[in-house]
């Protein structure tokens, strides 16, 4: 969960909100995304993609700037489920390809480098993924870095990441987020000025990485105001998701479209955040329920703070003090989100939990609860989470741990450091060892 607890808790304190939005798996602004970036370069200018044109395999002459933050491989091993028809209202285009039944997606959120000097780091990352027995990765493509000006593309950093994982047959899920300033609606009445520009982006990237990137998650925690230019509106995301869906279908009909994971929270102030359960309910009700026709997989983010995965408020609350008196603080929040899908007639789709995890003792402000989680407890909680999903939640087709290796790129003062399953020298922590040794499929 890319939710910056420090920023939001400060705002909540001022507003005396009782239920702060929480992050279980990570922070929220640009610095908190799972990909490192280094050398800056000038983007190459490329014409907008033709939806009927073949994938562009050429490499631009620009150097790398910043690599995306969250990633996950796809192309094979996709999960089961079929898209549902629109419950009511005007019908929308249906997916040409539904998720194929099969392999559970065992995924890592990974920290990568898109710069020219990042090859060794990236190779170590992909090796760690392979040795853990996981079959997917997830990282972020920042639109604002990929297309700094309209129709000026800089794909080389993402090329490097895709090449690394695809060469090792690791499935990739890319989450696309961070709109560039030039694409925003200057009036503030809606998120983007022209949603067709997002369709162009998604057509371009899905064509370029067709057959290597198997899934595209459309946005990240769009129920946070700072992820959508300051105001949360379900109508904005409905239009964004439709635009993204149409782009992916044009560029690579075989790729999956994943609904962007929402950040777990109990706030209902559009200038800060909207409760994830409320948001999901409202977007399923929007415009006659048409949203169900524009994604193949439901993405979810679940928080846990210091609460074991079998606990849940209010019937079986955690014994820890603080961060335990609202459902959004618990791993089993996913069950409530699933209930919304069922009530909305969308139970035929699979769910991927694209961010979840526990931090150990964390030096960052706002993550003090991590001191209550020992190394072994985090390992046990992660394994137990997979057991719950595999034995109790037949509707879950994949889970992506936050995070594999941010500790190799940030200092201990950064909140992402303590979430990592590897130490900064790449040696395994108990969490990595437990997940590596965990039975899979």
Protein backbone atom coordinates (compact mmCIF):
# COMPACT_ATOMS: atom_id res chain seq x y z
CA UNK A 1 0.00 0.00 0.00
CA UNK A 2 1.67 3.05 -1.16
CA UNK A 3 0.20 5.19 1.57
CA UNK A 4 2.33 7.87 3.26
CA UNK A 5 1.28 7.49 6.88
CA UNK A 6 3.41 10.41 8.04
CA UNK A 7 1.62 12.89 5.78
CA UNK A 8 -1.85 11.62 6.34
CA UNK A 9 -1.63 11.16 10.10
CA UNK A 10 -0.45 14.73 10.41
CA UNK A 11 -3.48 15.95 8.46
CA UNK A 12 -5.79 13.74 10.45
CA UNK A 13 -4.45 15.09 13.73
CA UNK A 14 -5.26 18.61 12.64
CA UNK A 15 -8.75 17.63 11.52
CA UNK A 16 -9.32 15.42 14.58
CA UNK A 17 -10.33 12.50 12.42
CA UNK A 18 -10.81 9.35 14.42
CA UNK A 19 -9.96 6.82 11.76
CA UNK A 20 -6.73 7.62 9.93
CA UNK A 21 -6.05 5.94 6.64
CA UNK A 22 -3.42 3.32 7.14
CA UNK A 23 -0.84 1.68 5.05
CA UNK A 24 0.09 -1.88 5.65
CA UNK A 25 2.65 -2.31 2.96
CA UNK A 26 4.35 0.97 2.28
CA UNK A 27 4.22 4.70 1.84
CA UNK A 28 2.50 6.94 -0.60
CA UNK A 29 4.40 9.64 -2.48
CA UNK A 30 6.87 9.31 -5.33
CA UNK A 31 9.71 8.43 -3.01
CA UNK A 32 7.78 5.46 -1.72
CA UNK A 33 7.37 3.66 -5.01
CA UNK A 34 9.21 0.35 -5.49
CA UNK A 35 11.71 1.35 -8.11
CA UNK A 36 14.87 3.35 -7.92
CA UNK A 37 15.80 5.91 -10.53
CA UNK A 38 19.01 7.63 -11.26
CA UNK A 39 20.44 9.34 -14.30
CA UNK A 40 18.10 11.79 -16.01
CA UNK A 41 17.81 12.09 -19.76
CA UNK A 42 15.80 13.73 -22.45
CA UNK A 43 12.74 11.84 -23.59
CA UNK A 44 12.61 10.83 -27.20
CA UNK A 45 9.74 12.18 -29.24
CA UNK A 46 7.55 9.46 -30.73
CA UNK A 47 4.29 9.68 -32.58
CA UNK A 48 1.19 8.52 -30.76
CA UNK A 49 0.68 4.79 -31.30
CA UNK A 50 -1.74 3.42 -33.83
CA UNK A 51 -3.91 0.82 -32.10
CA UNK A 52 -3.54 -1.46 -35.12
CA UNK A 53 0.22 -1.14 -35.42
CA UNK A 54 2.55 -3.95 -34.29
CA UNK A 55 4.40 -3.64 -31.00
CA UNK A 56 7.33 -1.26 -31.18
CA UNK A 57 10.51 -3.23 -30.49
CA UNK A 58 12.87 -0.38 -31.22
CA UNK A 59 14.96 1.12 -28.46
CA UNK A 60 14.82 4.90 -28.12
CA UNK A 61 18.05 6.83 -28.18
CA UNK A 62 17.38 8.48 -24.86
CA UNK A 63 19.19 7.43 -21.70
CA UNK A 64 17.34 6.18 -18.64
CA UNK A 65 15.90 8.53 -16.12
CA UNK A 66 13.79 6.93 -13.46
CA UNK A 67 12.53 3.43 -13.23
CA UNK A 68 8.96 2.73 -12.19
CA UNK A 69 7.98 1.94 -8.66
CA UNK A 70 5.84 -1.16 -8.47
CA UNK A 71 6.05 -4.15 -10.72
CA UNK A 72 4.78 -7.61 -11.30
CA UNK A 73 5.37 -10.02 -14.20
CA UNK A 74 2.69 -11.51 -16.32
CA UNK A 75 2.34 -13.39 -19.56
CA UNK A 76 1.90 -16.88 -18.22
CA UNK A 77 0.44 -18.39 -15.12
CA UNK A 78 -2.56 -16.12 -14.99
CA UNK A 79 -5.39 -16.85 -12.63
CA UNK A 80 -8.90 -18.04 -13.24
CA UNK A 81 -12.15 -16.14 -13.55
CA UNK A 82 -14.43 -14.67 -16.14
CA UNK A 83 -15.60 -11.15 -16.67
CA UNK A 84 -19.12 -10.35 -15.62
CA UNK A 85 -21.66 -8.61 -17.75
CA UNK A 86 -22.65 -5.14 -16.74
CA UNK A 87 -25.25 -5.59 -13.95
CA UNK A 88 -27.46 -2.78 -15.19
CA UNK A 89 -27.33 0.13 -17.57
CA UNK A 90 -25.73 0.43 -20.98
CA UNK A 91 -23.49 -2.48 -21.89
CA UNK A 92 -19.78 -1.90 -22.40
CA UNK A 93 -17.17 -3.74 -24.48
CA UNK A 94 -16.38 -7.12 -22.96
CA UNK A 95 -12.82 -8.46 -22.66
CA UNK A 96 -11.68 -10.50 -25.61
CA UNK A 97 -9.69 -12.69 -23.26
CA UNK A 98 -10.65 -13.76 -19.75
CA UNK A 99 -8.09 -14.78 -17.15
CA UNK A 100 -7.15 -18.37 -17.83
CA UNK A 101 -7.53 -20.85 -15.03
CA UNK A 102 -4.30 -22.19 -13.65
CA UNK A 103 -1.30 -21.20 -11.61
CA UNK A 104 -1.68 -19.11 -8.48
CA UNK A 105 0.28 -15.85 -8.75
CA UNK A 106 2.93 -15.81 -6.04
CA UNK A 107 4.27 -12.30 -6.36
CA UNK A 108 6.82 -9.87 -4.99
CA UNK A 109 6.70 -6.10 -5.13
CA UNK A 110 10.24 -5.34 -6.24
CA UNK A 111 12.59 -2.36 -6.13
CA UNK A 112 14.35 -1.98 -9.46
CA UNK A 113 16.69 0.39 -11.26
CA UNK A 114 15.89 1.71 -14.71
CA UNK A 115 19.18 3.55 -15.14
CA UNK A 116 22.05 2.33 -17.29
CA UNK A 117 24.09 1.23 -14.26
CA UNK A 118 21.35 -0.85 -12.68
CA UNK A 119 21.88 -4.16 -14.47
CA UNK A 120 23.65 -5.90 -11.58
CA UNK A 121 21.00 -4.80 -9.10
CA UNK A 122 18.23 -5.96 -11.41
CA UNK A 123 19.90 -9.32 -12.01
CA UNK A 124 20.22 -9.88 -8.26
CA UNK A 125 16.55 -9.02 -7.87
CA UNK A 126 15.34 -11.44 -10.52
CA UNK A 127 17.57 -14.16 -9.09
CA UNK A 128 16.10 -13.62 -5.63
CA UNK A 129 12.60 -13.92 -7.12
CA UNK A 130 13.50 -17.18 -8.84
CA UNK A 131 15.16 -18.66 -5.77
CA UNK A 132 12.10 -17.88 -3.65
CA UNK A 133 9.94 -20.00 -5.94
CA UNK A 134 7.69 -17.04 -6.76
CA UNK A 135 6.43 -16.61 -10.31
CA UNK A 136 5.35 -12.95 -10.54
CA UNK A 137 6.74 -9.49 -9.85
CA UNK A 138 5.05 -6.12 -9.61
CA UNK A 139 6.53 -2.66 -10.16
CA UNK A 140 5.34 0.79 -11.13
CA UNK A 141 5.46 2.70 -14.39
CA UNK A 142 5.25 6.42 -13.67
CA UNK A 143 3.38 8.08 -16.50
CA UNK A 144 4.99 11.42 -15.63
CA UNK A 145 8.43 9.91 -16.29
CA UNK A 146 7.47 7.76 -19.26
CA UNK A 147 5.74 10.59 -21.18
CA UNK A 148 7.05 13.90 -19.85
CA UNK A 149 5.30 15.82 -22.64
CA UNK A 150 2.45 14.82 -24.89
CA UNK A 151 3.67 12.17 -27.37
CA UNK A 152 7.27 12.34 -26.10
CA UNK A 153 8.05 8.84 -24.85
CA UNK A 154 10.99 7.62 -22.77
CA UNK A 155 10.51 3.85 -22.50
CA UNK A 156 14.13 2.77 -22.03
CA UNK A 157 14.02 2.49 -18.21
CA UNK A 158 10.97 0.23 -18.39
CA UNK A 159 12.51 -1.69 -21.30
CA UNK A 160 15.39 -2.66 -19.03
CA UNK A 161 13.13 -3.98 -16.31
CA UNK A 162 10.86 -5.92 -18.64
CA UNK A 163 13.88 -7.41 -20.42
CA UNK A 164 15.35 -8.62 -17.11
CA UNK A 165 12.28 -10.49 -15.93
CA UNK A 166 11.04 -11.71 -19.30
CA UNK A 167 14.43 -13.29 -19.99
CA UNK A 168 13.95 -15.44 -16.87
CA UNK A 169 10.31 -16.31 -17.58
CA UNK A 170 9.09 -14.34 -14.57
CA UNK A 171 5.57 -12.99 -15.04
CA UNK A 172 5.17 -9.22 -14.89
CA UNK A 173 2.41 -7.03 -13.51
CA UNK A 174 3.00 -3.31 -14.07
CA UNK A 175 0.96 -0.74 -12.17
CA UNK A 176 0.60 2.53 -14.07
CA UNK A 177 0.25 5.68 -11.95
CA UNK A 178 1.48 9.27 -11.40
CA UNK A 179 -0.14 11.47 -14.04
CA UNK A 180 2.05 14.15 -15.65
CA UNK A 181 1.15 17.77 -15.03
CA UNK A 182 0.38 18.36 -18.69
CA UNK A 183 -2.38 15.69 -18.66
CA UNK A 184 -4.28 17.02 -15.62
CA UNK A 185 -7.50 18.98 -15.92
CA UNK A 186 -6.52 22.58 -15.11
CA UNK A 187 -10.03 23.39 -13.88
CA UNK A 188 -9.91 20.68 -11.22
CA UNK A 189 -13.40 19.52 -12.17
CA UNK A 190 -12.10 16.11 -13.17
CA UNK A 191 -8.81 14.22 -12.93
CA UNK A 192 -7.55 14.30 -16.52
CA UNK A 193 -8.27 16.92 -19.14
CA UNK A 194 -8.62 14.30 -21.88
CA UNK A 195 -8.92 10.63 -20.93
CA UNK A 196 -8.11 9.56 -24.50
CA UNK A 197 -4.50 10.52 -23.75
CA UNK A 198 -4.42 7.74 -21.17
CA UNK A 199 -5.83 5.37 -23.78
CA UNK A 200 -2.92 6.34 -26.04
CA UNK A 201 -0.43 5.63 -23.26
CA UNK A 202 -1.88 2.22 -22.48
CA UNK A 203 -2.04 1.31 -26.17
CA UNK A 204 1.61 2.28 -26.57
CA UNK A 205 2.93 0.35 -23.58
CA UNK A 206 0.77 -2.74 -24.05
CA UNK A 207 1.84 -2.95 -27.71
CA UNK A 208 5.49 -2.46 -26.83
CA UNK A 209 5.54 -5.15 -24.15
CA UNK A 210 2.98 -7.51 -25.67
CA UNK A 211 3.68 -11.13 -24.75
CA UNK A 212 6.08 -10.10 -21.97
CA UNK A 213 3.92 -8.04 -19.60
CA UNK A 214 0.92 -10.15 -18.74
CA UNK A 215 -1.08 -7.74 -16.59
CA UNK A 216 -1.59 -3.99 -16.21
CA UNK A 217 -2.91 -2.54 -12.96
CA UNK A 218 -4.66 0.74 -13.69
CA UNK A 219 -3.54 3.23 -11.06
CA UNK A 220 -2.49 2.90 -7.46
CA UNK A 221 -4.66 3.71 -4.43
CA UNK A 222 -6.95 6.09 -6.30
CA UNK A 223 -9.00 6.60 -3.13
CA UNK A 224 -6.17 8.84 -1.87
CA UNK A 225 -6.48 12.48 -2.86
CA UNK A 226 -2.79 12.98 -3.60
CA UNK A 227 -2.88 10.11 -6.11
CA UNK A 228 -5.63 11.82 -8.15
CA UNK A 229 -4.69 15.51 -8.14
CA UNK A 230 -6.26 16.47 -4.82
CA UNK A 231 -9.87 15.24 -4.93
CA UNK A 232 -11.20 11.69 -4.77
CA UNK A 233 -14.11 11.04 -7.15
CA UNK A 234 -15.27 7.60 -8.26
CA UNK A 235 -16.34 9.11 -11.59
CA UNK A 236 -12.73 10.05 -12.31
CA UNK A 237 -11.48 6.53 -11.81
CA UNK A 238 -14.37 5.04 -13.77
CA UNK A 239 -13.33 7.12 -16.78
CA UNK A 240 -9.64 6.38 -16.23
CA UNK A 241 -10.21 2.63 -15.98
CA UNK A 242 -12.36 2.60 -19.12
CA UNK A 243 -9.70 4.53 -21.01
CA UNK A 244 -6.95 2.23 -19.78
CA UNK A 245 -8.96 -0.90 -20.55
CA UNK A 246 -9.59 0.24 -24.11
CA UNK A 247 -5.90 0.98 -24.57
CA UNK A 248 -4.77 -2.42 -23.33
CA UNK A 249 -7.37 -4.24 -25.43
CA UNK A 250 -6.11 -2.35 -28.50
CA UNK A 251 -2.42 -2.94 -27.76
CA UNK A 252 -2.43 -6.49 -26.38
CA UNK A 253 -5.78 -8.29 -26.15
CA UNK A 254 -4.14 -11.14 -24.24
CA UNK A 255 -3.00 -8.96 -21.32
CA UNK A 256 -5.09 -8.72 -18.17
CA UNK A 257 -6.46 -5.43 -16.85
CA UNK A 258 -6.37 -5.18 -13.06
CA UNK A 259 -8.53 -2.79 -11.03
CA UNK A 260 -6.18 -0.53 -9.05
CA UNK A 261 -5.78 -1.57 -5.42
CA UNK A 262 -7.36 0.83 -2.90
CA UNK A 263 -5.61 1.92 0.27
CA UNK A 264 -7.34 0.57 3.42
CA UNK A 265 -8.65 3.41 5.57
CA UNK A 266 -11.66 4.67 7.49
CA UNK A 267 -11.70 8.27 6.26
CA UNK A 268 -14.45 9.85 4.16
CA UNK A 269 -13.11 13.24 3.12
CA UNK A 270 -12.55 13.57 -0.64
CA UNK A 271 -9.74 16.06 -0.05
CA UNK A 272 -7.82 13.39 1.92
CA UNK A 273 -9.13 9.89 1.29
CA UNK A 274 -12.26 7.78 0.95
CA UNK A 275 -12.83 4.59 2.93
CA UNK A 276 -11.91 1.70 0.61
CA UNK A 277 -15.12 -0.22 1.33
CA UNK A 278 -17.24 2.88 0.64
CA UNK A 279 -15.29 3.66 -2.52
CA UNK A 280 -15.64 0.16 -3.95
CA UNK A 281 -19.36 0.11 -3.20
CA UNK A 282 -19.90 3.47 -4.88
CA UNK A 283 -17.91 2.67 -8.00
CA UNK A 284 -19.90 -0.52 -8.53
CA UNK A 285 -23.05 1.60 -8.30
CA UNK A 286 -21.73 4.29 -10.66
CA UNK A 287 -23.50 4.62 -14.00
CA UNK A 288 -25.53 1.45 -13.67
CA UNK A 289 -22.62 -0.75 -12.63
CA UNK A 290 -20.76 -0.42 -15.94
CA UNK A 291 -17.36 -0.54 -14.24
CA UNK A 292 -17.54 -4.35 -14.04
CA UNK A 293 -17.05 -4.53 -17.80
CA UNK A 294 -13.71 -2.75 -17.77
CA UNK A 295 -11.34 -5.01 -15.84
CA UNK A 296 -10.44 -8.70 -15.63
CA UNK A 297 -8.99 -8.96 -12.12
CA UNK A 298 -9.89 -7.09 -8.93
CA UNK A 299 -6.78 -5.66 -7.30
CA UNK A 300 -6.83 -5.23 -3.51
CA UNK A 301 -4.44 -3.76 -0.94
CA UNK A 302 -4.80 -4.92 2.65
CA UNK A 303 -3.26 -3.46 5.78
CA UNK A 304 -2.16 -5.37 8.85
CA UNK A 305 -0.03 -3.01 10.99
CA UNK A 306 0.80 -5.29 13.97
CA UNK A 307 -2.28 -7.50 13.80
CA UNK A 308 -2.00 -11.25 13.05
CA UNK A 309 -3.76 -12.40 9.87
CA UNK A 310 -6.39 -14.45 11.71
CA UNK A 311 -7.65 -11.49 13.77
CA UNK A 312 -10.38 -9.05 12.76
CA UNK A 313 -12.32 -6.18 14.32
CA UNK A 314 -14.70 -6.34 16.13
CA UNK A 315 -15.33 -10.05 16.72
CA UNK A 316 -11.74 -11.24 17.02
CA UNK A 317 -9.59 -8.14 17.57
CA UNK A 318 -5.83 -8.11 17.97
CA UNK A 319 -4.42 -7.89 21.49
CA UNK A 320 -1.96 -5.19 20.40
CA UNK A 321 -2.64 -1.62 21.49
CA UNK A 322 -3.52 0.91 18.78
CA UNK A 323 -4.22 0.38 15.09
CA UNK A 324 -6.67 -2.37 16.02
CA UNK A 325 -10.11 -0.74 16.32
CA UNK A 326 -11.19 -0.57 12.68
CA UNK A 327 -11.56 -3.23 10.00
CA UNK A 328 -9.10 -1.46 7.70
CA UNK A 329 -6.23 -2.32 10.06
CA UNK A 330 -6.60 -6.04 9.33
CA UNK A 331 -5.62 -8.51 6.64
CA UNK A 332 -9.15 -9.92 6.58
CA UNK A 333 -10.47 -6.60 5.28
CA UNK A 334 -10.23 -8.40 1.95
CA UNK A 335 -13.29 -10.46 2.89
CA UNK A 336 -15.39 -7.30 3.19
CA UNK A 337 -14.21 -6.07 -0.20
CA UNK A 338 -15.04 -9.44 -1.71
CA UNK A 339 -18.53 -9.19 -0.24
CA UNK A 340 -19.02 -5.96 -2.21
CA UNK A 341 -18.06 -7.80 -5.40
CA UNK A 342 -20.55 -10.56 -4.63
CA UNK A 343 -23.40 -8.15 -3.89
CA UNK A 344 -22.54 -6.28 -7.09
CA UNK A 345 -22.85 -9.44 -9.18
CA UNK A 346 -19.15 -9.56 -10.00
CA UNK A 347 -18.10 -12.74 -8.18
CA UNK A 348 -16.91 -14.39 -11.39
CA UNK A 349 -13.70 -12.36 -11.39
CA UNK A 350 -10.57 -13.39 -9.50
CA UNK A 351 -8.95 -11.18 -6.88
CA UNK A 352 -5.25 -10.39 -6.70
CA UNK A 353 -3.99 -8.87 -3.46
CA UNK A 354 -1.32 -6.73 -5.05
CA UNK A 355 0.10 -5.29 -1.82
CA UNK A 356 0.17 -6.80 1.67
CA UNK A 357 2.73 -7.39 4.39
CA UNK A 358 4.08 -6.53 7.82
CA UNK A 359 6.96 -4.31 8.88
CA UNK A 360 9.39 -5.06 11.68
CA UNK A 361 10.71 -2.24 13.89
CA UNK A 362 10.60 0.81 11.65
CA UNK A 363 12.52 4.06 12.12
CA UNK A 364 10.09 6.13 10.05
CA UNK A 365 7.55 8.31 11.82
CA UNK A 366 4.08 6.83 11.65
CA UNK A 367 5.24 3.21 11.58
CA UNK A 368 6.00 2.84 15.26
CA UNK A 369 3.69 -0.17 15.48
CA UNK A 370 6.38 -2.20 13.68
CA UNK A 371 8.26 -2.61 16.95
CA UNK A 372 5.57 -5.10 17.96
CA UNK A 373 6.36 -7.42 15.05
CA UNK A 374 9.37 -9.69 15.48
CA UNK A 375 11.26 -11.09 12.51
CA UNK A 376 9.77 -14.53 13.11
CA UNK A 377 6.25 -13.17 13.56
CA UNK A 378 6.41 -11.41 10.21
CA UNK A 379 7.59 -14.65 8.60
CA UNK A 380 4.78 -16.59 10.25
CA UNK A 381 2.15 -13.99 9.37
CA UNK A 382 3.12 -13.99 5.69
CA UNK A 383 3.00 -17.76 5.39
CA UNK A 384 -0.30 -17.89 7.26
CA UNK A 385 -1.72 -15.26 4.89
CA UNK A 386 -1.00 -17.50 1.93
CA UNK A 387 -2.54 -20.43 3.77
CA UNK A 388 -5.73 -18.43 4.34
CA UNK A 389 -5.92 -17.40 0.70
CA UNK A 390 -5.27 -20.90 -0.63
CA UNK A 391 -7.56 -22.76 1.78
CA UNK A 392 -10.33 -20.27 2.64
CA UNK A 393 -10.44 -17.67 -0.13
CA UNK A 394 -11.06 -19.57 -3.34
CA UNK A 395 -11.72 -16.23 -5.03
CA UNK A 396 -8.09 -15.12 -4.61
CA UNK A 397 -5.86 -15.99 -7.56
CA UNK A 398 -2.68 -14.18 -6.54
CA UNK A 399 -0.90 -12.29 -3.76
CA UNK A 400 2.06 -9.91 -3.97
CA UNK A 401 4.17 -9.35 -0.87
CA UNK A 402 5.25 -5.83 0.01
CA UNK A 403 8.25 -5.89 -0.41
CA UNK A 404 11.22 -7.98 -1.57
CA UNK A 405 14.24 -5.70 -1.62
CA UNK A 406 13.74 -1.99 -0.96
CA UNK A 407 16.39 -2.29 1.75
CA UNK A 408 19.02 -2.57 -0.99
CA UNK A 409 18.23 0.92 -2.27
CA UNK A 410 17.15 3.02 0.73
CA UNK A 411 18.54 3.81 4.19
CA UNK A 412 17.10 2.45 7.47
CA UNK A 413 15.34 5.78 8.04
CA UNK A 414 13.12 5.15 5.04
CA UNK A 415 9.89 3.34 5.94
CA UNK A 416 10.31 0.86 3.08
CA UNK A 417 13.54 -0.50 4.52
CA UNK A 418 11.92 -2.48 7.34
CA UNK A 419 9.24 -4.02 5.10
CA UNK A 420 11.85 -5.77 2.97
CA UNK A 421 12.32 -9.54 2.97
CA UNK A 422 16.02 -9.14 2.14
CA UNK A 423 18.68 -7.26 4.08
CA UNK A 424 20.58 -4.41 2.46
CA UNK A 425 23.45 -6.82 1.64
CA UNK A 426 20.94 -9.13 -0.13
CA UNK A 427 21.09 -11.75 2.62
CA UNK A 428 17.70 -13.29 3.48
CA UNK A 429 15.61 -12.30 6.46
CA UNK A 430 13.34 -14.91 8.11
CA UNK A 431 10.41 -13.68 6.00
CA UNK A 432 12.21 -14.52 2.76
CA UNK A 433 13.33 -17.90 4.04
CA UNK A 434 9.82 -18.80 5.20
CA UNK A 435 8.24 -17.80 1.89
CA UNK A 436 10.95 -19.59 -0.09
CA UNK A 437 10.33 -22.80 1.87
CA UNK A 438 6.53 -22.46 1.82
CA UNK A 439 4.70 -25.10 -0.28
CA UNK A 440 3.35 -23.58 -3.51
CA UNK A 441 0.58 -25.01 -5.68
